[in-house]
mmCIF file of all heavy atoms, coordinates in Angstrom:
data_MODEL
# 
_entry.id   MODEL 
# 
loop_
_atom_site.group_PDB 
_atom_site.id 
_atom_site.type_symbol 
_atom_site.label_atom_id 
_atom_site.label_alt_id 
_atom_site.label_comp_id 
_atom_site.label_asym_id 
_atom_site.label_entity_id 
_atom_site.label_seq_id 
_atom_site.pdbx_PDB_ins_code 
_atom_site.Cartn_x 
_atom_site.Cartn_y 
_atom_site.Cartn_z 
_atom_site.occupancy 
_atom_site.B_iso_or_equiv 
_atom_site.pdbx_formal_charge 
_atom_site.auth_seq_id 
_atom_site.auth_comp_id 
_atom_site.auth_asym_id 
_atom_site.auth_atom_id 
_atom_site.pdbx_PDB_model_num 
ATOM 1   N N   . ASN A 1 1  ? 104.352 106.726 76.592 1.00 0.00 ? 1  ASN A N   1 
ATOM 2   C CA  . ASN A 1 1  ? 104.559 106.223 77.955 1.00 0.00 ? 1  ASN A CA  1 
ATOM 3   C C   . ASN A 1 1  ? 103.706 106.931 78.998 1.00 0.00 ? 1  ASN A C   1 
ATOM 4   O O   . ASN A 1 1  ? 103.578 106.441 80.122 1.00 0.00 ? 1  ASN A O   1 
ATOM 5   C CB  . ASN A 1 1  ? 106.042 106.191 78.337 1.00 0.00 ? 1  ASN A CB  1 
ATOM 6   C CG  . ASN A 1 1  ? 106.736 107.525 78.336 1.00 0.00 ? 1  ASN A CG  1 
ATOM 7   O OD1 . ASN A 1 1  ? 106.104 108.571 78.424 1.00 0.00 ? 1  ASN A OD1 1 
ATOM 8   N ND2 . ASN A 1 1  ? 108.063 107.495 78.255 1.00 0.00 ? 1  ASN A ND2 1 
ATOM 9   N N   . GLN A 1 2  ? 103.050 108.046 78.643 1.00 0.00 ? 2  GLN A N   1 
ATOM 10  C CA  . GLN A 1 2  ? 102.096 108.608 79.599 1.00 0.00 ? 2  GLN A CA  1 
ATOM 11  C C   . GLN A 1 2  ? 100.838 107.732 79.662 1.00 0.00 ? 2  GLN A C   1 
ATOM 12  O O   . GLN A 1 2  ? 100.038 107.862 80.593 1.00 0.00 ? 2  GLN A O   1 
ATOM 13  C CB  . GLN A 1 2  ? 101.753 110.070 79.285 1.00 0.00 ? 2  GLN A CB  1 
ATOM 14  C CG  . GLN A 1 2  ? 100.919 110.306 78.065 1.00 0.00 ? 2  GLN A CG  1 
ATOM 15  C CD  . GLN A 1 2  ? 100.480 111.749 77.887 1.00 0.00 ? 2  GLN A CD  1 
ATOM 16  O OE1 . GLN A 1 2  ? 99.566  112.005 77.129 1.00 0.00 ? 2  GLN A OE1 1 
ATOM 17  N NE2 . GLN A 1 2  ? 101.103 112.708 78.557 1.00 0.00 ? 2  GLN A NE2 1 
ATOM 18  N N   . ARG A 1 3  ? 100.709 106.819 78.704 1.00 0.00 ? 3  ARG A N   1 
ATOM 19  C CA  . ARG A 1 3  ? 99.592  105.870 78.679 1.00 0.00 ? 3  ARG A CA  1 
ATOM 20  C C   . ARG A 1 3  ? 100.029 104.463 79.090 1.00 0.00 ? 3  ARG A C   1 
ATOM 21  O O   . ARG A 1 3  ? 99.262  103.509 78.951 1.00 0.00 ? 3  ARG A O   1 
ATOM 22  C CB  . ARG A 1 3  ? 98.997  105.805 77.270 1.00 0.00 ? 3  ARG A CB  1 
ATOM 23  C CG  . ARG A 1 3  ? 98.288  107.061 76.871 1.00 0.00 ? 3  ARG A CG  1 
ATOM 24  C CD  . ARG A 1 3  ? 97.992  107.129 75.383 1.00 0.00 ? 3  ARG A CD  1 
ATOM 25  N NE  . ARG A 1 3  ? 97.088  108.252 75.119 1.00 0.00 ? 3  ARG A NE  1 
ATOM 26  C CZ  . ARG A 1 3  ? 97.444  109.531 75.159 1.00 0.00 ? 3  ARG A CZ  1 
ATOM 27  N NH1 . ARG A 1 3  ? 98.705  109.851 75.394 1.00 0.00 ? 3  ARG A NH1 1 
ATOM 28  N NH2 . ARG A 1 3  ? 96.571  110.488 74.944 1.00 0.00 ? 3  ARG A NH2 1 
ATOM 29  N N   . GLY A 1 4  ? 101.277 104.325 79.539 1.00 0.00 ? 4  GLY A N   1 
ATOM 30  C CA  . GLY A 1 4  ? 101.759 103.008 79.935 1.00 0.00 ? 4  GLY A CA  1 
ATOM 31  C C   . GLY A 1 4  ? 102.294 102.183 78.784 1.00 0.00 ? 4  GLY A C   1 
ATOM 32  O O   . GLY A 1 4  ? 102.646 101.027 78.947 1.00 0.00 ? 4  GLY A O   1 
ATOM 33  N N   . HIS A 1 5  ? 102.351 102.783 77.558 1.00 0.00 ? 5  HIS A N   1 
ATOM 34  C CA  . HIS A 1 5  ? 102.949 102.095 76.405 1.00 0.00 ? 5  HIS A CA  1 
ATOM 35  C C   . HIS A 1 5  ? 104.434 102.436 76.352 1.00 0.00 ? 5  HIS A C   1 
ATOM 36  O O   . HIS A 1 5  ? 104.916 103.259 77.110 1.00 0.00 ? 5  HIS A O   1 
ATOM 37  C CB  . HIS A 1 5  ? 102.299 102.564 75.094 1.00 0.00 ? 5  HIS A CB  1 
ATOM 38  C CG  . HIS A 1 5  ? 100.854 102.261 74.972 1.00 0.00 ? 5  HIS A CG  1 
ATOM 39  N ND1 . HIS A 1 5  ? 100.358 101.150 74.331 1.00 0.00 ? 5  HIS A ND1 1 
ATOM 40  C CD2 . HIS A 1 5  ? 99.768  102.934 75.422 1.00 0.00 ? 5  HIS A CD2 1 
ATOM 41  C CE1 . HIS A 1 5  ? 99.043  101.161 74.381 1.00 0.00 ? 5  HIS A CE1 1 
ATOM 42  N NE2 . HIS A 1 5  ? 98.651  102.232 75.040 1.00 0.00 ? 5  HIS A NE2 1 
ATOM 43  N N   . GLY A 1 6  ? 105.125 101.872 75.376 1.00 0.00 ? 6  GLY A N   1 
ATOM 44  C CA  . GLY A 1 6  ? 106.508 102.294 75.146 1.00 0.00 ? 6  GLY A CA  1 
ATOM 45  C C   . GLY A 1 6  ? 107.410 101.847 76.274 1.00 0.00 ? 6  GLY A C   1 
ATOM 46  O O   . GLY A 1 6  ? 107.498 100.669 76.568 1.00 0.00 ? 6  GLY A O   1 
ATOM 47  N N   . ALA A 1 7  ? 108.056 102.818 76.930 1.00 0.00 ? 7  ALA A N   1 
ATOM 48  C CA  . ALA A 1 7  ? 109.086 102.451 77.898 1.00 0.00 ? 7  ALA A CA  1 
ATOM 49  C C   . ALA A 1 7  ? 108.970 103.282 79.162 1.00 0.00 ? 7  ALA A C   1 
ATOM 50  O O   . ALA A 1 7  ? 108.576 104.432 79.126 1.00 0.00 ? 7  ALA A O   1 
ATOM 51  C CB  . ALA A 1 7  ? 110.462 102.670 77.271 1.00 0.00 ? 7  ALA A CB  1 
ATOM 52  N N   . GLY A 1 8  ? 109.348 102.676 80.274 1.00 0.00 ? 8  GLY A N   1 
ATOM 53  C CA  . GLY A 1 8  ? 109.437 103.411 81.530 1.00 0.00 ? 8  GLY A CA  1 
ATOM 54  C C   . GLY A 1 8  ? 108.498 102.914 82.596 1.00 0.00 ? 8  GLY A C   1 
ATOM 55  O O   . GLY A 1 8  ? 108.766 103.035 83.784 1.00 0.00 ? 8  GLY A O   1 
ATOM 56  N N   . GLY A 1 9  ? 107.351 102.360 82.163 1.00 0.00 ? 9  GLY A N   1 
ATOM 57  C CA  . GLY A 1 9  ? 106.437 101.783 83.137 1.00 0.00 ? 9  GLY A CA  1 
ATOM 58  C C   . GLY A 1 9  ? 105.824 102.822 84.062 1.00 0.00 ? 9  GLY A C   1 
ATOM 59  O O   . GLY A 1 9  ? 105.680 104.000 83.724 1.00 0.00 ? 9  GLY A O   1 
ATOM 60  N N   . ALA A 1 10 ? 105.498 102.391 85.276 1.00 0.00 ? 10 ALA A N   1 
ATOM 61  C CA  . ALA A 1 10 ? 104.733 103.214 86.212 1.00 0.00 ? 10 ALA A CA  1 
ATOM 62  C C   . ALA A 1 10 ? 105.521 104.389 86.768 1.00 0.00 ? 10 ALA A C   1 
ATOM 63  O O   . ALA A 1 10 ? 104.936 105.293 87.372 1.00 0.00 ? 10 ALA A O   1 
ATOM 64  C CB  . ALA A 1 10 ? 104.228 102.342 87.358 1.00 0.00 ? 10 ALA A CB  1 
ATOM 65  N N   . SER A 1 11 ? 106.840 104.408 86.598 1.00 0.00 ? 11 SER A N   1 
ATOM 66  C CA  . SER A 1 11 ? 107.618 105.517 87.159 1.00 0.00 ? 11 SER A CA  1 
ATOM 67  C C   . SER A 1 11 ? 107.436 106.812 86.373 1.00 0.00 ? 11 SER A C   1 
ATOM 68  O O   . SER A 1 11 ? 107.719 107.898 86.889 1.00 0.00 ? 11 SER A O   1 
ATOM 69  C CB  . SER A 1 11 ? 109.112 105.159 87.207 1.00 0.00 ? 11 SER A CB  1 
ATOM 70  O OG  . SER A 1 11 ? 109.684 105.229 85.910 1.00 0.00 ? 11 SER A OG  1 
ATOM 71  N N   . ILE A 1 12 ? 106.977 106.741 85.136 1.00 0.00 ? 12 ILE A N   1 
ATOM 72  C CA  . ILE A 1 12 ? 106.877 107.926 84.283 1.00 0.00 ? 12 ILE A CA  1 
ATOM 73  C C   . ILE A 1 12 ? 105.973 108.975 84.932 1.00 0.00 ? 12 ILE A C   1 
ATOM 74  O O   . ILE A 1 12 ? 104.841 108.679 85.329 1.00 0.00 ? 12 ILE A O   1 
ATOM 75  C CB  . ILE A 1 12 ? 106.332 107.541 82.883 1.00 0.00 ? 12 ILE A CB  1 
ATOM 76  C CG1 . ILE A 1 12 ? 107.314 106.606 82.150 1.00 0.00 ? 12 ILE A CG1 1 
ATOM 77  C CG2 . ILE A 1 12 ? 106.051 108.781 82.046 1.00 0.00 ? 12 ILE A CG2 1 
ATOM 78  C CD1 . ILE A 1 12 ? 108.657 107.210 81.841 1.00 0.00 ? 12 ILE A CD1 1 
ATOM 79  N N   . LEU A 1 13 ? 106.476 110.192 85.029 1.00 0.00 ? 13 LEU A N   1 
ATOM 80  C CA  . LEU A 1 13 ? 105.693 111.315 85.557 1.00 0.00 ? 13 LEU A CA  1 
ATOM 81  C C   . LEU A 1 13 ? 104.831 111.897 84.438 1.00 0.00 ? 13 LEU A C   1 
ATOM 82  O O   . LEU A 1 13 ? 105.304 112.065 83.310 1.00 0.00 ? 13 LEU A O   1 
ATOM 83  C CB  . LEU A 1 13 ? 106.625 112.398 86.088 1.00 0.00 ? 13 LEU A CB  1 
ATOM 84  C CG  . LEU A 1 13 ? 107.539 112.015 87.251 1.00 0.00 ? 13 LEU A CG  1 
ATOM 85  C CD1 . LEU A 1 13 ? 108.599 113.088 87.458 1.00 0.00 ? 13 LEU A CD1 1 
ATOM 86  C CD2 . LEU A 1 13 ? 106.738 111.794 88.524 1.00 0.00 ? 13 LEU A CD2 1 
ATOM 87  N N   . THR A 1 14 ? 103.573 112.214 84.754 1.00 0.00 ? 14 THR A N   1 
ATOM 88  C CA  . THR A 1 14 ? 102.660 112.792 83.762 1.00 0.00 ? 14 THR A CA  1 
ATOM 89  C C   . THR A 1 14 ? 101.826 113.888 84.413 1.00 0.00 ? 14 THR A C   1 
ATOM 90  O O   . THR A 1 14 ? 101.867 114.090 85.622 1.00 0.00 ? 14 THR A O   1 
ATOM 91  C CB  . THR A 1 14 ? 101.697 111.735 83.195 1.00 0.00 ? 14 THR A CB  1 
ATOM 92  O OG1 . THR A 1 14 ? 100.722 111.398 84.205 1.00 0.00 ? 14 THR A OG1 1 
ATOM 93  C CG2 . THR A 1 14 ? 102.428 110.465 82.758 1.00 0.00 ? 14 THR A CG2 1 
ATOM 94  N N   . PHE A 1 15 ? 101.007 114.549 83.602 1.00 0.00 ? 15 PHE A N   1 
ATOM 95  C CA  . PHE A 1 15 ? 100.148 115.611 84.117 1.00 0.00 ? 15 PHE A CA  1 
ATOM 96  C C   . PHE A 1 15 ? 99.159  115.104 85.160 1.00 0.00 ? 15 PHE A C   1 
ATOM 97  O O   . PHE A 1 15 ? 98.632  115.887 85.948 1.00 0.00 ? 15 PHE A O   1 
ATOM 98  C CB  . PHE A 1 15 ? 99.403  116.305 82.969 1.00 0.00 ? 15 PHE A CB  1 
ATOM 99  C CG  . PHE A 1 15 ? 98.356  115.443 82.298 1.00 0.00 ? 15 PHE A CG  1 
ATOM 100 C CD1 . PHE A 1 15 ? 97.049  115.411 82.779 1.00 0.00 ? 15 PHE A CD1 1 
ATOM 101 C CD2 . PHE A 1 15 ? 98.674  114.663 81.188 1.00 0.00 ? 15 PHE A CD2 1 
ATOM 102 C CE1 . PHE A 1 15 ? 96.077  114.622 82.157 1.00 0.00 ? 15 PHE A CE1 1 
ATOM 103 C CE2 . PHE A 1 15 ? 97.714  113.873 80.571 1.00 0.00 ? 15 PHE A CE2 1 
ATOM 104 C CZ  . PHE A 1 15 ? 96.412  113.853 81.060 1.00 0.00 ? 15 PHE A CZ  1 
ATOM 105 N N   . TRP A 1 16 ? 98.896  113.786 85.182 1.00 0.00 ? 16 TRP A N   1 
ATOM 106 C CA  . TRP A 1 16 ? 97.995  113.246 86.205 1.00 0.00 ? 16 TRP A CA  1 
ATOM 107 C C   . TRP A 1 16 ? 98.615  113.392 87.607 1.00 0.00 ? 16 TRP A C   1 
ATOM 108 O O   . TRP A 1 16 ? 97.896  113.392 88.606 1.00 0.00 ? 16 TRP A O   1 
ATOM 109 C CB  . TRP A 1 16 ? 97.702  111.767 85.939 1.00 0.00 ? 16 TRP A CB  1 
ATOM 110 C CG  . TRP A 1 16 ? 96.983  111.473 84.649 1.00 0.00 ? 16 TRP A CG  1 
ATOM 111 C CD1 . TRP A 1 16 ? 97.516  110.866 83.540 1.00 0.00 ? 16 TRP A CD1 1 
ATOM 112 C CD2 . TRP A 1 16 ? 95.620  111.746 84.309 1.00 0.00 ? 16 TRP A CD2 1 
ATOM 113 N NE1 . TRP A 1 16 ? 96.571  110.753 82.544 1.00 0.00 ? 16 TRP A NE1 1 
ATOM 114 C CE2 . TRP A 1 16 ? 95.391  111.280 82.983 1.00 0.00 ? 16 TRP A CE2 1 
ATOM 115 C CE3 . TRP A 1 16 ? 94.557  112.344 84.995 1.00 0.00 ? 16 TRP A CE3 1 
ATOM 116 C CZ2 . TRP A 1 16 ? 94.161  111.387 82.343 1.00 0.00 ? 16 TRP A CZ2 1 
ATOM 117 C CZ3 . TRP A 1 16 ? 93.323  112.446 84.347 1.00 0.00 ? 16 TRP A CZ3 1 
ATOM 118 C CH2 . TRP A 1 16 ? 93.136  111.975 83.040 1.00 0.00 ? 16 TRP A CH2 1 
ATOM 119 N N   . ASP A 1 17 ? 99.950  113.485 87.675 1.00 0.00 ? 17 ASP A N   1 
ATOM 120 C CA  . ASP A 1 17 ? 100.660 113.702 88.954 1.00 0.00 ? 17 ASP A CA  1 
ATOM 121 C C   . ASP A 1 17 ? 101.259 115.111 88.915 1.00 0.00 ? 17 ASP A C   1 
ATOM 122 O O   . ASP A 1 17 ? 102.478 115.273 88.915 1.00 0.00 ? 17 ASP A O   1 
ATOM 123 C CB  . ASP A 1 17 ? 101.813 112.694 89.123 1.00 0.00 ? 17 ASP A CB  1 
ATOM 124 C CG  . ASP A 1 17 ? 101.424 111.272 88.763 1.00 0.00 ? 17 ASP A CG  1 
ATOM 125 O OD1 . ASP A 1 17 ? 100.629 110.703 89.503 1.00 0.00 ? 17 ASP A OD1 1 
ATOM 126 O OD2 . ASP A 1 17 ? 101.928 110.747 87.750 1.00 0.00 ? 17 ASP A OD2 1 
ATOM 127 N N   . ALA A 1 18 ? 100.404 116.130 88.872 1.00 0.00 ? 18 ALA A N   1 
ATOM 128 C CA  . ALA A 1 18 ? 100.853 117.471 88.490 1.00 0.00 ? 18 ALA A CA  1 
ATOM 129 C C   . ALA A 1 18 ? 101.978 118.006 89.374 1.00 0.00 ? 18 ALA A C   1 
ATOM 130 O O   . ALA A 1 18 ? 102.928 118.616 88.869 1.00 0.00 ? 18 ALA A O   1 
ATOM 131 C CB  . ALA A 1 18 ? 99.678  118.443 88.488 1.00 0.00 ? 18 ALA A CB  1 
ATOM 132 N N   . ARG A 1 19 ? 101.907 117.795 90.678 1.00 0.00 ? 19 ARG A N   1 
ATOM 133 C CA  . ARG A 1 19 ? 102.910 118.383 91.577 1.00 0.00 ? 19 ARG A CA  1 
ATOM 134 C C   . ARG A 1 19 ? 104.298 117.810 91.292 1.00 0.00 ? 19 ARG A C   1 
ATOM 135 O O   . ARG A 1 19 ? 105.287 118.550 91.152 1.00 0.00 ? 19 ARG A O   1 
ATOM 136 C CB  . ARG A 1 19 ? 102.508 118.119 93.030 1.00 0.00 ? 19 ARG A CB  1 
ATOM 137 C CG  . ARG A 1 19 ? 103.382 118.816 94.074 1.00 0.00 ? 19 ARG A CG  1 
ATOM 138 C CD  . ARG A 1 19 ? 102.737 118.623 95.461 1.00 0.00 ? 19 ARG A CD  1 
ATOM 139 N NE  . ARG A 1 19 ? 103.424 119.384 96.506 1.00 0.00 ? 19 ARG A NE  1 
ATOM 140 C CZ  . ARG A 1 19 ? 104.350 118.874 97.310 1.00 0.00 ? 19 ARG A CZ  1 
ATOM 141 N NH1 . ARG A 1 19 ? 104.745 117.596 97.164 1.00 0.00 ? 19 ARG A NH1 1 
ATOM 142 N NH2 . ARG A 1 19 ? 104.903 119.614 98.249 1.00 0.00 ? 19 ARG A NH2 1 
ATOM 143 N N   . LEU A 1 20 ? 104.381 116.486 91.187 1.00 0.00 ? 20 LEU A N   1 
ATOM 144 C CA  . LEU A 1 20 ? 105.667 115.851 90.896 1.00 0.00 ? 20 LEU A CA  1 
ATOM 145 C C   . LEU A 1 20 ? 106.108 116.145 89.464 1.00 0.00 ? 20 LEU A C   1 
ATOM 146 O O   . LEU A 1 20 ? 107.295 116.313 89.176 1.00 0.00 ? 20 LEU A O   1 
ATOM 147 C CB  . LEU A 1 20 ? 105.578 114.339 91.113 1.00 0.00 ? 20 LEU A CB  1 
ATOM 148 C CG  . LEU A 1 20 ? 105.263 113.860 92.535 1.00 0.00 ? 20 LEU A CG  1 
ATOM 149 C CD1 . LEU A 1 20 ? 105.218 112.341 92.583 1.00 0.00 ? 20 LEU A CD1 1 
ATOM 150 C CD2 . LEU A 1 20 ? 106.283 114.399 93.531 1.00 0.00 ? 20 LEU A CD2 1 
ATOM 151 N N   . TYR A 1 21 ? 105.123 116.195 88.576 1.00 0.00 ? 21 TYR A N   1 
ATOM 152 C CA  . TYR A 1 21 ? 105.428 116.417 87.157 1.00 0.00 ? 21 TYR A CA  1 
ATOM 153 C C   . TYR A 1 21 ? 106.117 117.768 86.947 1.00 0.00 ? 21 TYR A C   1 
ATOM 154 O O   . TYR A 1 21 ? 107.113 117.864 86.219 1.00 0.00 ? 21 TYR A O   1 
ATOM 155 C CB  . TYR A 1 21 ? 104.142 116.345 86.336 1.00 0.00 ? 21 TYR A CB  1 
ATOM 156 C CG  . TYR A 1 21 ? 104.352 116.422 84.849 1.00 0.00 ? 21 TYR A CG  1 
ATOM 157 C CD1 . TYR A 1 21 ? 104.936 115.368 84.157 1.00 0.00 ? 21 TYR A CD1 1 
ATOM 158 C CD2 . TYR A 1 21 ? 103.974 117.551 84.117 1.00 0.00 ? 21 TYR A CD2 1 
ATOM 159 C CE1 . TYR A 1 21 ? 105.127 115.422 82.781 1.00 0.00 ? 21 TYR A CE1 1 
ATOM 160 C CE2 . TYR A 1 21 ? 104.160 117.615 82.744 1.00 0.00 ? 21 TYR A CE2 1 
ATOM 161 C CZ  . TYR A 1 21 ? 104.741 116.552 82.084 1.00 0.00 ? 21 TYR A CZ  1 
ATOM 162 O OH  . TYR A 1 21 ? 104.933 116.616 80.725 1.00 0.00 ? 21 TYR A OH  1 
ATOM 163 N N   . LYS A 1 22 ? 105.600 118.810 87.589 1.00 0.00 ? 22 LYS A N   1 
ATOM 164 C CA  . LYS A 1 22 ? 106.203 120.137 87.435 1.00 0.00 ? 22 LYS A CA  1 
ATOM 165 C C   . LYS A 1 22 ? 107.639 120.138 87.946 1.00 0.00 ? 22 LYS A C   1 
ATOM 166 O O   . LYS A 1 22 ? 108.512 120.776 87.352 1.00 0.00 ? 22 LYS A O   1 
ATOM 167 C CB  . LYS A 1 22 ? 105.353 121.190 88.153 1.00 0.00 ? 22 LYS A CB  1 
ATOM 168 C CG  . LYS A 1 22 ? 104.065 121.520 87.414 1.00 0.00 ? 22 LYS A CG  1 
ATOM 169 C CD  . LYS A 1 22 ? 103.221 122.558 88.128 1.00 0.00 ? 22 LYS A CD  1 
ATOM 170 C CE  . LYS A 1 22 ? 102.394 121.956 89.230 1.00 0.00 ? 22 LYS A CE  1 
ATOM 171 N NZ  . LYS A 1 22 ? 101.434 122.957 89.806 1.00 0.00 ? 22 LYS A NZ  1 
ATOM 172 N N   . MET A 1 23 ? 107.904 119.394 89.025 1.00 0.00 ? 23 MET A N   1 
ATOM 173 C CA  . MET A 1 23 ? 109.288 119.292 89.515 1.00 0.00 ? 23 MET A CA  1 
ATOM 174 C C   . MET A 1 23 ? 110.169 118.585 88.490 1.00 0.00 ? 23 MET A C   1 
ATOM 175 O O   . MET A 1 23 ? 111.303 119.005 88.232 1.00 0.00 ? 23 MET A O   1 
ATOM 176 C CB  . MET A 1 23 ? 109.335 118.544 90.852 1.00 0.00 ? 23 MET A CB  1 
ATOM 177 C CG  . MET A 1 23 ? 109.141 119.435 92.050 1.00 0.00 ? 23 MET A CG  1 
ATOM 178 S SD  . MET A 1 23 ? 109.807 118.685 93.550 1.00 0.00 ? 23 MET A SD  1 
ATOM 179 C CE  . MET A 1 23 ? 108.566 117.438 93.842 1.00 0.00 ? 23 MET A CE  1 
ATOM 180 N N   . GLY A 1 24 ? 109.648 117.510 87.912 1.00 0.00 ? 24 GLY A N   1 
ATOM 181 C CA  . GLY A 1 24 ? 110.428 116.755 86.927 1.00 0.00 ? 24 GLY A CA  1 
ATOM 182 C C   . GLY A 1 24 ? 110.754 117.580 85.700 1.00 0.00 ? 24 GLY A C   1 
ATOM 183 O O   . GLY A 1 24 ? 111.902 117.620 85.237 1.00 0.00 ? 24 GLY A O   1 
ATOM 184 N N   . VAL A 1 25 ? 109.747 118.277 85.171 1.00 0.00 ? 25 VAL A N   1 
ATOM 185 C CA  . VAL A 1 25 ? 109.976 119.114 83.984 1.00 0.00 ? 25 VAL A CA  1 
ATOM 186 C C   . VAL A 1 25 ? 110.875 120.297 84.351 1.00 0.00 ? 25 VAL A C   1 
ATOM 187 O O   . VAL A 1 25 ? 111.751 120.691 83.574 1.00 0.00 ? 25 VAL A O   1 
ATOM 188 C CB  . VAL A 1 25 ? 108.642 119.592 83.379 1.00 0.00 ? 25 VAL A CB  1 
ATOM 189 C CG1 . VAL A 1 25 ? 108.889 120.523 82.192 1.00 0.00 ? 25 VAL A CG1 1 
ATOM 190 C CG2 . VAL A 1 25 ? 107.796 118.395 82.931 1.00 0.00 ? 25 VAL A CG2 1 
ATOM 191 N N   . GLY A 1 26 ? 110.681 120.842 85.563 1.00 0.00 ? 26 GLY A N   1 
ATOM 192 C CA  . GLY A 1 26 ? 111.544 121.935 86.018 1.00 0.00 ? 26 GLY A CA  1 
ATOM 193 C C   . GLY A 1 26 ? 112.998 121.515 86.080 1.00 0.00 ? 26 GLY A C   1 
ATOM 194 O O   . GLY A 1 26 ? 113.897 122.252 85.648 1.00 0.00 ? 26 GLY A O   1 
ATOM 195 N N   . PHE A 1 27 ? 113.238 120.313 86.614 1.00 0.00 ? 27 PHE A N   1 
ATOM 196 C CA  . PHE A 1 27 ? 114.614 119.809 86.681 1.00 0.00 ? 27 PHE A CA  1 
ATOM 197 C C   . PHE A 1 27 ? 115.191 119.645 85.275 1.00 0.00 ? 27 PHE A C   1 
ATOM 198 O O   . PHE A 1 27 ? 116.327 120.053 84.993 1.00 0.00 ? 27 PHE A O   1 
ATOM 199 C CB  . PHE A 1 27 ? 114.669 118.479 87.447 1.00 0.00 ? 27 PHE A CB  1 
ATOM 200 C CG  . PHE A 1 27 ? 116.067 117.943 87.608 1.00 0.00 ? 27 PHE A CG  1 
ATOM 201 C CD1 . PHE A 1 27 ? 116.841 118.306 88.702 1.00 0.00 ? 27 PHE A CD1 1 
ATOM 202 C CD2 . PHE A 1 27 ? 116.630 117.109 86.649 1.00 0.00 ? 27 PHE A CD2 1 
ATOM 203 C CE1 . PHE A 1 27 ? 118.147 117.843 88.839 1.00 0.00 ? 27 PHE A CE1 1 
ATOM 204 C CE2 . PHE A 1 27 ? 117.934 116.635 86.769 1.00 0.00 ? 27 PHE A CE2 1 
ATOM 205 C CZ  . PHE A 1 27 ? 118.686 117.012 87.868 1.00 0.00 ? 27 PHE A CZ  1 
ATOM 206 N N   . MET A 1 28 ? 114.401 119.035 84.374 1.00 0.00 ? 28 MET A N   1 
ATOM 207 C CA  . MET A 1 28 ? 114.874 118.812 83.002 1.00 0.00 ? 28 MET A CA  1 
ATOM 208 C C   . MET A 1 28 ? 115.261 120.130 82.337 1.00 0.00 ? 28 MET A C   1 
ATOM 209 O O   . MET A 1 28 ? 116.313 120.226 81.673 1.00 0.00 ? 28 MET A O   1 
ATOM 210 C CB  . MET A 1 28 ? 113.791 118.110 82.177 1.00 0.00 ? 28 MET A CB  1 
ATOM 211 C CG  . MET A 1 28 ? 114.141 117.956 80.703 1.00 0.00 ? 28 MET A CG  1 
ATOM 212 S SD  . MET A 1 28 ? 112.846 117.194 79.693 1.00 0.00 ? 28 MET A SD  1 
ATOM 213 C CE  . MET A 1 28 ? 111.703 118.567 79.456 1.00 0.00 ? 28 MET A CE  1 
# 
């Protein structure tokens, strides 16, 4: 899903959105 396959669509956070991604992984 970091490539747009699978599930979740455009909402999926990835390393391309590093600032938001670190928050998401931090929360998890």
